[in-house]
Amino acid sequence: MAKKILVVDDDPSIVEYLVSVFEDNGYATCTATDGGEALEVAKAEKPDLVTLDLEMPHEWGPRFYRKMSQDPGLKETPVIVISGLSGIHLAIRRAVATINKPFEPATVIAAVKEAIG
């Protein structure tokens, strides 16, 4: 069974691009456009990994991460931060990788493979 990645980003073109990259590499995907929606999707879908934008409307990435890390069923889920903000490596210290936008798909896939195979 394919490993599942939750893509959290408010930019529909980024979401679509990441979903196609992941699916082309054999991963299943689910998506959310902000932190509030992402928590509900994560609880329902139980992803193997989350890619997380930091700056989103309604509820931004670090707040979602705090809530996710308090959920016993989700707290061990690895997170890759993908953001255009500077200093992103400081936002979520337990992230398995931080990738700046714009990004190369090979960089993202390499980080995913290192985190979940």
N, C-alpha and C. Protein backbone atom coordinates (compact mmCIF):
# COMPACT_ATOMS: atom_id res chain seq x y z
N MET A 1 0.84 -1.19 0.00
CA MET A 1 0.00 0.00 0.00
C MET A 1 0.88 1.25 0.00
N ALA A 2 0.51 2.22 -0.82
CA ALA A 2 1.32 3.44 -0.96
C ALA A 2 1.28 4.27 0.31
N LYS A 3 2.42 4.87 0.65
CA LYS A 3 2.47 5.77 1.80
C LYS A 3 1.74 7.06 1.42
N LYS A 4 1.09 7.66 2.42
CA LYS A 4 0.23 8.82 2.17
C LYS A 4 0.88 10.10 2.70
N ILE A 5 0.80 11.15 1.87
CA ILE A 5 1.34 12.46 2.22
C ILE A 5 0.21 13.47 2.24
N LEU A 6 0.12 14.21 3.35
CA LEU A 6 -0.83 15.32 3.46
C LEU A 6 -0.11 16.59 3.02
N VAL A 7 -0.63 17.24 1.98
CA VAL A 7 -0.08 18.49 1.47
C VAL A 7 -0.91 19.64 2.03
N VAL A 8 -0.28 20.51 2.82
CA VAL A 8 -0.97 21.65 3.43
C VAL A 8 -0.38 22.93 2.87
N ASP A 9 -1.16 23.64 2.04
CA ASP A 9 -0.72 24.89 1.44
C ASP A 9 -1.96 25.63 0.96
N ASP A 10 -1.98 26.96 1.07
CA ASP A 10 -3.14 27.74 0.64
C ASP A 10 -3.09 28.11 -0.84
N ASP A 11 -1.99 27.82 -1.51
CA ASP A 11 -1.85 28.13 -2.94
C ASP A 11 -2.25 26.90 -3.76
N PRO A 12 -3.39 26.97 -4.47
CA PRO A 12 -3.87 25.80 -5.21
C PRO A 12 -2.87 25.27 -6.24
N SER A 13 -2.07 26.16 -6.84
CA SER A 13 -1.12 25.69 -7.85
C SER A 13 0.02 24.90 -7.18
N ILE A 14 0.44 25.30 -5.99
CA ILE A 14 1.47 24.55 -5.26
C ILE A 14 0.92 23.18 -4.86
N VAL A 15 -0.31 23.18 -4.34
CA VAL A 15 -0.94 21.91 -3.94
C VAL A 15 -1.01 20.96 -5.13
N GLU A 16 -1.51 21.46 -6.25
CA GLU A 16 -1.65 20.64 -7.46
C GLU A 16 -0.29 20.11 -7.92
N TYR A 17 0.72 20.97 -7.88
CA TYR A 17 2.06 20.58 -8.31
C TYR A 17 2.63 19.50 -7.39
N LEU A 18 2.56 19.71 -6.07
CA LEU A 18 3.09 18.72 -5.14
C LEU A 18 2.35 17.39 -5.25
N VAL A 19 1.03 17.45 -5.37
CA VAL A 19 0.24 16.21 -5.52
C VAL A 19 0.71 15.44 -6.74
N SER A 20 0.91 16.13 -7.87
CA SER A 20 1.34 15.43 -9.09
C SER A 20 2.75 14.85 -8.91
N VAL A 21 3.65 15.59 -8.26
CA VAL A 21 5.00 15.09 -8.03
C VAL A 21 4.95 13.84 -7.15
N PHE A 22 4.18 13.90 -6.07
CA PHE A 22 4.11 12.76 -5.16
C PHE A 22 3.45 11.55 -5.81
N GLU A 23 2.36 11.77 -6.50
CA GLU A 23 1.66 10.65 -7.15
C GLU A 23 2.50 10.05 -8.26
N ASP A 24 3.25 10.87 -8.99
CA ASP A 24 4.15 10.36 -10.03
C ASP A 24 5.26 9.48 -9.43
N ASN A 25 5.53 9.67 -8.14
CA ASN A 25 6.56 8.90 -7.45
C ASN A 25 5.98 7.80 -6.56
N GLY A 26 4.70 7.48 -6.77
CA GLY A 26 4.10 6.33 -6.10
C GLY A 26 3.48 6.58 -4.74
N TYR A 27 3.33 7.84 -4.35
CA TYR A 27 2.72 8.14 -3.06
C TYR A 27 1.24 8.47 -3.23
N ALA A 28 0.44 8.16 -2.22
CA ALA A 28 -0.95 8.60 -2.16
C ALA A 28 -0.94 9.99 -1.52
N THR A 29 -1.97 10.79 -1.78
CA THR A 29 -2.00 12.14 -1.24
C THR A 29 -3.38 12.50 -0.70
N CYS A 30 -3.39 13.48 0.19
CA CYS A 30 -4.59 14.17 0.61
C CYS A 30 -4.16 15.62 0.82
N THR A 31 -5.10 16.56 0.84
CA THR A 31 -4.73 17.97 0.86
C THR A 31 -5.59 18.77 1.85
N ALA A 32 -5.04 19.93 2.23
CA ALA A 32 -5.76 20.90 3.05
C ALA A 32 -5.21 22.29 2.72
N THR A 33 -6.05 23.32 2.86
CA THR A 33 -5.64 24.66 2.47
C THR A 33 -5.30 25.57 3.65
N ASP A 34 -5.52 25.11 4.88
CA ASP A 34 -5.07 25.87 6.05
C ASP A 34 -4.94 24.93 7.24
N GLY A 35 -4.39 25.45 8.33
CA GLY A 35 -4.10 24.63 9.48
C GLY A 35 -5.32 23.99 10.13
N GLY A 36 -6.43 24.71 10.17
CA GLY A 36 -7.65 24.16 10.77
C GLY A 36 -8.16 22.96 10.00
N GLU A 37 -8.26 23.11 8.70
CA GLU A 37 -8.69 22.01 7.84
C GLU A 37 -7.68 20.86 7.88
N ALA A 38 -6.41 21.21 7.94
CA ALA A 38 -5.35 20.20 7.94
C ALA A 38 -5.45 19.26 9.13
N LEU A 39 -5.80 19.79 10.29
CA LEU A 39 -5.90 18.94 11.48
C LEU A 39 -7.02 17.91 11.31
N GLU A 40 -8.14 18.35 10.76
CA GLU A 40 -9.26 17.43 10.53
C GLU A 40 -8.90 16.36 9.50
N VAL A 41 -8.24 16.78 8.42
CA VAL A 41 -7.82 15.83 7.38
C VAL A 41 -6.80 14.84 7.95
N ALA A 42 -5.86 15.35 8.74
CA ALA A 42 -4.83 14.48 9.32
C ALA A 42 -5.46 13.43 10.24
N LYS A 43 -6.44 13.83 11.04
CA LYS A 43 -7.10 12.88 11.93
C LYS A 43 -7.86 11.82 11.15
N ALA A 44 -8.48 12.22 10.04
CA ALA A 44 -9.27 11.29 9.23
C ALA A 44 -8.40 10.39 8.37
N GLU A 45 -7.33 10.94 7.80
CA GLU A 45 -6.53 10.22 6.80
C GLU A 45 -5.30 9.51 7.37
N LYS A 46 -4.82 9.93 8.53
CA LYS A 46 -3.62 9.35 9.15
C LYS A 46 -2.44 9.28 8.16
N PRO A 47 -1.98 10.44 7.68
CA PRO A 47 -0.88 10.43 6.70
C PRO A 47 0.42 9.94 7.31
N ASP A 48 1.31 9.46 6.44
CA ASP A 48 2.64 9.02 6.86
C ASP A 48 3.60 10.20 6.99
N LEU A 49 3.24 11.32 6.32
CA LEU A 49 4.09 12.51 6.32
C LEU A 49 3.23 13.71 5.98
N VAL A 50 3.62 14.90 6.45
CA VAL A 50 2.92 16.14 6.13
C VAL A 50 3.92 17.11 5.52
N THR A 51 3.53 17.74 4.38
CA THR A 51 4.30 18.89 3.89
C THR A 51 3.49 20.10 4.31
N LEU A 52 4.16 21.10 4.87
CA LEU A 52 3.47 22.20 5.54
C LEU A 52 4.00 23.55 5.13
N ASP A 53 3.10 24.37 4.60
CA ASP A 53 3.40 25.78 4.36
C ASP A 53 3.24 26.49 5.70
N LEU A 54 3.96 27.55 5.93
CA LEU A 54 3.87 28.26 7.21
C LEU A 54 2.84 29.36 7.19
N GLU A 55 2.77 30.12 6.11
CA GLU A 55 1.92 31.30 6.06
C GLU A 55 0.64 30.99 5.28
N MET A 56 -0.46 30.85 6.04
CA MET A 56 -1.76 30.53 5.43
C MET A 56 -2.84 31.33 6.15
N PRO A 57 -3.98 31.53 5.50
CA PRO A 57 -5.07 32.24 6.19
C PRO A 57 -5.68 31.37 7.28
N HIS A 58 -6.41 31.99 8.15
CA HIS A 58 -7.17 31.33 9.23
C HIS A 58 -6.26 30.73 10.30
N GLU A 59 -5.53 29.72 9.98
CA GLU A 59 -4.62 29.13 10.96
C GLU A 59 -3.32 28.77 10.27
N TRP A 60 -2.24 29.38 10.72
CA TRP A 60 -0.98 29.18 10.02
C TRP A 60 -0.25 27.94 10.49
N GLY A 61 0.81 27.58 9.78
CA GLY A 61 1.50 26.31 9.95
C GLY A 61 1.97 25.97 11.35
N PRO A 62 2.69 26.87 12.05
CA PRO A 62 3.17 26.51 13.38
C PRO A 62 2.03 26.20 14.37
N ARG A 63 0.92 26.89 14.27
CA ARG A 63 -0.20 26.59 15.17
C ARG A 63 -0.78 25.21 14.86
N PHE A 64 -0.92 24.90 13.57
CA PHE A 64 -1.36 23.55 13.19
C PHE A 64 -0.40 22.51 13.75
N TYR A 65 0.90 22.76 13.60
CA TYR A 65 1.89 21.79 14.06
C TYR A 65 1.78 21.56 15.56
N ARG A 66 1.61 22.64 16.33
CA ARG A 66 1.46 22.49 17.78
C ARG A 66 0.27 21.59 18.11
N LYS A 67 -0.85 21.82 17.44
CA LYS A 67 -2.05 21.00 17.70
C LYS A 67 -1.82 19.55 17.26
N MET A 68 -1.19 19.37 16.11
CA MET A 68 -0.93 18.02 15.62
C MET A 68 -0.01 17.27 16.58
N SER A 69 1.01 17.96 17.10
CA SER A 69 1.96 17.29 17.97
C SER A 69 1.38 16.96 19.35
N GLN A 70 0.22 17.51 19.66
CA GLN A 70 -0.46 17.18 20.92
C GLN A 70 -1.43 16.02 20.76
N ASP A 71 -1.68 15.60 19.52
CA ASP A 71 -2.59 14.49 19.25
C ASP A 71 -1.79 13.18 19.30
N PRO A 72 -2.17 12.25 20.19
CA PRO A 72 -1.40 11.01 20.33
C PRO A 72 -1.27 10.21 19.03
N GLY A 73 -2.27 10.27 18.16
CA GLY A 73 -2.23 9.51 16.91
C GLY A 73 -1.43 10.18 15.81
N LEU A 74 -1.09 11.46 16.01
CA LEU A 74 -0.40 12.22 14.95
C LEU A 74 0.97 12.75 15.36
N LYS A 75 1.29 12.74 16.64
CA LYS A 75 2.47 13.45 17.12
C LYS A 75 3.79 12.93 16.56
N GLU A 76 3.83 11.68 16.11
CA GLU A 76 5.06 11.14 15.54
C GLU A 76 5.13 11.30 14.01
N THR A 77 4.13 11.91 13.41
CA THR A 77 4.10 12.09 11.95
C THR A 77 5.18 13.09 11.54
N PRO A 78 6.10 12.69 10.65
CA PRO A 78 7.14 13.63 10.22
C PRO A 78 6.56 14.77 9.39
N VAL A 79 7.18 15.94 9.51
CA VAL A 79 6.75 17.15 8.79
C VAL A 79 7.91 17.72 8.00
N ILE A 80 7.62 18.07 6.74
CA ILE A 80 8.56 18.80 5.90
C ILE A 80 7.96 20.18 5.69
N VAL A 81 8.66 21.22 6.11
CA VAL A 81 8.20 22.59 5.91
C VAL A 81 8.61 23.04 4.52
N ILE A 82 7.63 23.54 3.75
CA ILE A 82 7.90 24.10 2.42
C ILE A 82 7.29 25.49 2.41
N SER A 83 8.15 26.52 2.42
CA SER A 83 7.63 27.88 2.58
C SER A 83 8.52 28.89 1.88
N GLY A 84 7.94 30.03 1.57
CA GLY A 84 8.68 31.13 0.99
C GLY A 84 9.20 32.10 2.04
N LEU A 85 8.86 31.88 3.30
CA LEU A 85 9.32 32.77 4.37
C LEU A 85 10.79 32.54 4.66
N SER A 86 11.48 33.59 5.08
CA SER A 86 12.86 33.42 5.50
C SER A 86 12.88 32.89 6.93
N GLY A 87 13.95 32.23 7.28
CA GLY A 87 14.09 31.68 8.63
C GLY A 87 13.18 30.50 8.90
N ILE A 88 12.74 29.79 7.86
CA ILE A 88 11.77 28.71 8.06
C ILE A 88 12.34 27.56 8.88
N HIS A 89 13.65 27.40 8.88
CA HIS A 89 14.25 26.32 9.65
C HIS A 89 14.05 26.52 11.15
N LEU A 90 13.67 27.72 11.57
CA LEU A 90 13.45 28.01 12.98
C LEU A 90 12.00 27.84 13.41
N ALA A 91 11.08 27.82 12.46
CA ALA A 91 9.66 27.82 12.78
C ALA A 91 9.20 26.53 13.44
N ILE A 92 9.62 25.41 12.91
CA ILE A 92 9.23 24.11 13.46
C ILE A 92 10.50 23.31 13.64
N ARG A 93 11.03 23.32 14.82
CA ARG A 93 12.34 22.73 15.08
C ARG A 93 12.39 21.23 14.86
N ARG A 94 11.27 20.53 15.02
CA ARG A 94 11.27 19.09 14.84
C ARG A 94 10.97 18.67 13.39
N ALA A 95 10.89 19.63 12.47
CA ALA A 95 10.68 19.28 11.06
C ALA A 95 11.84 18.43 10.57
N VAL A 96 11.52 17.40 9.77
CA VAL A 96 12.58 16.53 9.25
C VAL A 96 13.34 17.21 8.12
N ALA A 97 12.74 18.24 7.51
CA ALA A 97 13.41 19.01 6.46
C ALA A 97 12.70 20.35 6.31
N THR A 98 13.44 21.34 5.83
CA THR A 98 12.86 22.63 5.47
C THR A 98 13.31 22.96 4.06
N ILE A 99 12.34 23.31 3.23
CA ILE A 99 12.60 23.57 1.81
C ILE A 99 12.01 24.93 1.46
N ASN A 100 12.84 25.78 0.84
CA ASN A 100 12.38 27.11 0.45
C ASN A 100 11.67 27.07 -0.90
N LYS A 101 10.60 27.87 -1.03
CA LYS A 101 9.95 28.08 -2.32
C LYS A 101 10.73 29.18 -3.01
N PRO A 102 10.90 29.13 -4.32
CA PRO A 102 10.55 28.00 -5.20
C PRO A 102 11.49 26.83 -4.96
N PHE A 103 11.03 25.64 -5.30
CA PHE A 103 11.79 24.43 -5.01
C PHE A 103 11.87 23.54 -6.24
N GLU A 104 12.85 22.67 -6.21
CA GLU A 104 12.99 21.65 -7.25
C GLU A 104 12.26 20.39 -6.77
N PRO A 105 11.48 19.74 -7.62
CA PRO A 105 10.77 18.53 -7.20
C PRO A 105 11.71 17.45 -6.67
N ALA A 106 12.90 17.34 -7.24
CA ALA A 106 13.85 16.31 -6.79
C ALA A 106 14.26 16.54 -5.34
N THR A 107 14.35 17.79 -4.92
CA THR A 107 14.70 18.11 -3.53
C THR A 107 13.61 17.63 -2.59
N VAL A 108 12.36 17.87 -2.98
CA VAL A 108 11.22 17.46 -2.14
C VAL A 108 11.15 15.93 -2.07
N ILE A 109 11.28 15.27 -3.21
CA ILE A 109 11.21 13.80 -3.23
C ILE A 109 12.35 13.20 -2.41
N ALA A 110 13.54 13.77 -2.49
CA ALA A 110 14.66 13.26 -1.71
C ALA A 110 14.37 13.37 -0.21
N ALA A 111 13.77 14.48 0.21
CA ALA A 111 13.43 14.66 1.63
C ALA A 111 12.36 13.67 2.07
N VAL A 112 11.37 13.45 1.20
CA VAL A 112 10.29 12.50 1.50
C VAL A 112 10.86 11.09 1.62
N LYS A 113 11.69 10.70 0.66
CA LYS A 113 12.27 9.34 0.69
C LYS A 113 13.14 9.14 1.92
N GLU A 114 13.85 10.17 2.32
CA GLU A 114 14.69 10.04 3.52
C GLU A 114 13.81 9.88 4.78
N ALA A 115 12.66 10.57 4.79
CA ALA A 115 11.78 10.53 5.96
C ALA A 115 10.93 9.27 6.06
N ILE A 116 10.36 8.83 4.92
CA ILE A 116 9.41 7.70 4.98
C ILE A 116 9.66 6.59 3.98
N GLY A 117 10.71 6.74 3.19
CA GLY A 117 11.01 5.67 2.23
C GLY A 117 10.33 5.82 0.90
